[in-house]
Amino acid sequence: MAWFHIDDETMWGFEPHVAEAIFEAMVREAKVPVVRGERLDPASGVEKAGTRIVAVRMESGKVFKAKMFIDATYEGDLMAGVSYTVGRES
């Protein structure tokens, strides 16, 4: 593995390509399907039943249904209808 020194308080670090290789190995071992190259439809991409997300629709028209969705996006793309605040606390 490609480890490198970050600072005196951090025990270890690794290069991004190493993190990607570890991720790929984990999803392969768990047989988790990973879909790439899709974008959430901004107009109607989140389907909810009450407050629960039940499906997401991509710009390509593909629909993914699941019992649980994890929003691991940088911008919180699945936060449909959720109130939030942008910025720092007062």
C-alpha atoms as a PDB file:
ATOM      1  CA  MET A   1       0.000   0.000   0.000  1.00  0.00           C
ATOM      2  CA  ALA A   2       1.054   3.561  -0.568  1.00  0.00           C
ATOM      3  CA  TRP A   3       1.193   5.020   2.949  1.00  0.00           C
ATOM      4  CA  PHE A   4       2.498   8.477   3.641  1.00  0.00           C
ATOM      5  CA  HIS A   5       3.178  10.721   6.628  1.00  0.00           C
ATOM      6  CA  ILE A   6       0.563  13.449   7.152  1.00  0.00           C
ATOM      7  CA  ASP A   7       1.647  15.002  10.449  1.00  0.00           C
ATOM      8  CA  ASP A   8       2.873  13.982  13.911  1.00  0.00           C
ATOM      9  CA  GLU A   9      -0.662  13.501  15.280  1.00  0.00           C
ATOM     10  CA  THR A  10      -2.053  11.400  12.422  1.00  0.00           C
ATOM     11  CA  MET A  11      -1.121   7.737  12.621  1.00  0.00           C
ATOM     12  CA  TRP A  12      -1.399   6.961   8.910  1.00  0.00           C
ATOM     13  CA  GLY A  13      -2.787   8.101   5.604  1.00  0.00           C
ATOM     14  CA  PHE A  14      -3.084   6.697   2.130  1.00  0.00           C
ATOM     15  CA  GLU A  15      -3.292   8.014  -1.382  1.00  0.00           C
ATOM     16  CA  PRO A  16      -6.750   8.395  -3.004  1.00  0.00           C
ATOM     17  CA  HIS A  17      -6.096   5.591  -5.508  1.00  0.00           C
ATOM     18  CA  VAL A  18      -5.461   3.248  -2.564  1.00  0.00           C
ATOM     19  CA  ALA A  19      -8.774   4.270  -0.965  1.00  0.00           C
ATOM     20  CA  GLU A  20     -10.520   3.592  -4.281  1.00  0.00           C
ATOM     21  CA  ALA A  21      -8.908   0.147  -4.562  1.00  0.00           C
ATOM     22  CA  ILE A  22     -10.041  -0.695  -1.020  1.00  0.00           C
ATOM     23  CA  PHE A  23     -13.581   0.513  -1.799  1.00  0.00           C
ATOM     24  CA  GLU A  24     -13.691  -1.576  -4.994  1.00  0.00           C
ATOM     25  CA  ALA A  25     -12.501  -4.666  -3.112  1.00  0.00           C
ATOM     26  CA  MET A  26     -15.112  -4.161  -0.375  1.00  0.00           C
ATOM     27  CA  VAL A  27     -18.072  -3.775  -2.738  1.00  0.00           C
ATOM     28  CA  ARG A  28     -16.867  -6.703  -4.838  1.00  0.00           C
ATOM     29  CA  GLU A  29     -16.599  -8.915  -1.732  1.00  0.00           C
ATOM     30  CA  ALA A  30     -20.049  -7.830  -0.496  1.00  0.00           C
ATOM     31  CA  LYS A  31     -21.500  -8.178  -4.022  1.00  0.00           C
ATOM     32  CA  VAL A  32     -22.869  -4.631  -3.869  1.00  0.00           C
ATOM     33  CA  PRO A  33     -23.846  -3.274  -7.279  1.00  0.00           C
ATOM     34  CA  VAL A  34     -22.237   0.113  -7.929  1.00  0.00           C
ATOM     35  CA  VAL A  35     -23.818   2.296 -10.606  1.00  0.00           C
ATOM     36  CA  ARG A  36     -21.672   5.014 -12.139  1.00  0.00           C
ATOM     37  CA  GLY A  37     -22.302   7.712 -14.701  1.00  0.00           C
ATOM     38  CA  GLU A  38     -25.848   8.471 -13.524  1.00  0.00           C
ATOM     39  CA  ARG A  39     -27.237  11.778 -12.305  1.00  0.00           C
ATOM     40  CA  LEU A  40     -30.318  12.352 -10.177  1.00  0.00           C
ATOM     41  CA  ASP A  41     -33.187  13.945 -12.125  1.00  0.00           C
ATOM     42  CA  PRO A  42     -33.372  17.377 -10.482  1.00  0.00           C
ATOM     43  CA  ALA A  43     -37.064  17.885 -11.298  1.00  0.00           C
ATOM     44  CA  SER A  44     -38.556  14.570 -10.184  1.00  0.00           C
ATOM     45  CA  GLY A  45     -35.658  12.447  -8.962  1.00  0.00           C
ATOM     46  CA  VAL A  46     -36.860  11.600  -5.470  1.00  0.00           C
ATOM     47  CA  GLU A  47     -40.045   9.592  -4.869  1.00  0.00           C
ATOM     48  CA  LYS A  48     -41.312   9.565  -1.308  1.00  0.00           C
ATOM     49  CA  ALA A  49     -44.043   7.788   0.651  1.00  0.00           C
ATOM     50  CA  GLY A  50     -44.747  10.257   3.420  1.00  0.00           C
ATOM     51  CA  THR A  51     -41.318  11.307   4.656  1.00  0.00           C
ATOM     52  CA  ARG A  52     -39.547   8.147   3.471  1.00  0.00           C
ATOM     53  CA  ILE A  53     -37.611   7.973   0.189  1.00  0.00           C
ATOM     54  CA  VAL A  54     -38.778   4.877  -1.698  1.00  0.00           C
ATOM     55  CA  ALA A  55     -37.178   5.427  -5.118  1.00  0.00           C
ATOM     56  CA  VAL A  56     -34.803   7.680  -7.007  1.00  0.00           C
ATOM     57  CA  ARG A  57     -35.038   8.519 -10.703  1.00  0.00           C
ATOM     58  CA  MET A  58     -32.016   9.326 -12.820  1.00  0.00           C
ATOM     59  CA  GLU A  59     -31.810  11.714 -15.782  1.00  0.00           C
ATOM     60  CA  SER A  60     -31.430   8.629 -18.004  1.00  0.00           C
ATOM     61  CA  GLY A  61     -34.855   7.402 -16.834  1.00  0.00           C
ATOM     62  CA  LYS A  62     -33.490   4.555 -14.700  1.00  0.00           C
ATOM     63  CA  VAL A  63     -35.304   4.153 -11.384  1.00  0.00           C
ATOM     64  CA  PHE A  64     -33.736   2.619  -8.284  1.00  0.00           C
ATOM     65  CA  LYS A  65     -35.985   1.371  -5.466  1.00  0.00           C
ATOM     66  CA  ALA A  66     -34.662   0.414  -2.043  1.00  0.00           C
ATOM     67  CA  LYS A  67     -35.590   0.048   1.612  1.00  0.00           C
ATOM     68  CA  MET A  68     -32.885   2.539   2.539  1.00  0.00           C
ATOM     69  CA  PHE A  69     -30.954   5.260   0.751  1.00  0.00           C
ATOM     70  CA  ILE A  70     -27.682   6.745   1.964  1.00  0.00           C
ATOM     71  CA  ASP A  71     -26.892  10.192   0.663  1.00  0.00           C
ATOM     72  CA  ALA A  72     -23.121  10.209   0.299  1.00  0.00           C
ATOM     73  CA  THR A  73     -23.137  13.150  -2.104  1.00  0.00           C
ATOM     74  CA  TYR A  74     -21.254  16.338  -1.370  1.00  0.00           C
ATOM     75  CA  GLU A  75     -24.344  18.523  -1.800  1.00  0.00           C
ATOM     76  CA  GLY A  76     -27.047  16.396  -0.169  1.00  0.00           C
ATOM     77  CA  ASP A  77     -28.898  15.554  -3.389  1.00  0.00           C
ATOM     78  CA  LEU A  78     -31.463  13.316  -1.640  1.00  0.00           C
ATOM     79  CA  MET A  79     -32.567  15.936   0.878  1.00  0.00           C
ATOM     80  CA  ALA A  80     -35.863  16.388  -0.962  1.00  0.00           C
ATOM     81  CA  GLY A  81     -38.251  18.440   1.138  1.00  0.00           C
ATOM     82  CA  VAL A  82     -35.943  18.527   4.155  1.00  0.00           C
ATOM     83  CA  SER A  83     -35.460  21.910   5.800  1.00  0.00           C
ATOM     84  CA  TYR A  84     -31.846  22.895   6.283  1.00  0.00           C
ATOM     85  CA  THR A  85     -29.581  25.866   6.839  1.00  0.00           C
ATOM     86  CA  VAL A  86     -26.627  26.856   4.695  1.00  0.00           C
ATOM     87  CA  GLY A  87     -23.701  28.425   6.490  1.00  0.00           C
ATOM     88  CA  ARG A  88     -22.359  28.424  10.000  1.00  0.00           C
ATOM     89  CA  GLU A  89     -24.222  28.551  13.267  1.00  0.00           C
ATOM     90  CA  SER A  90     -24.725  31.980  14.816  1.00  0.00           C
END
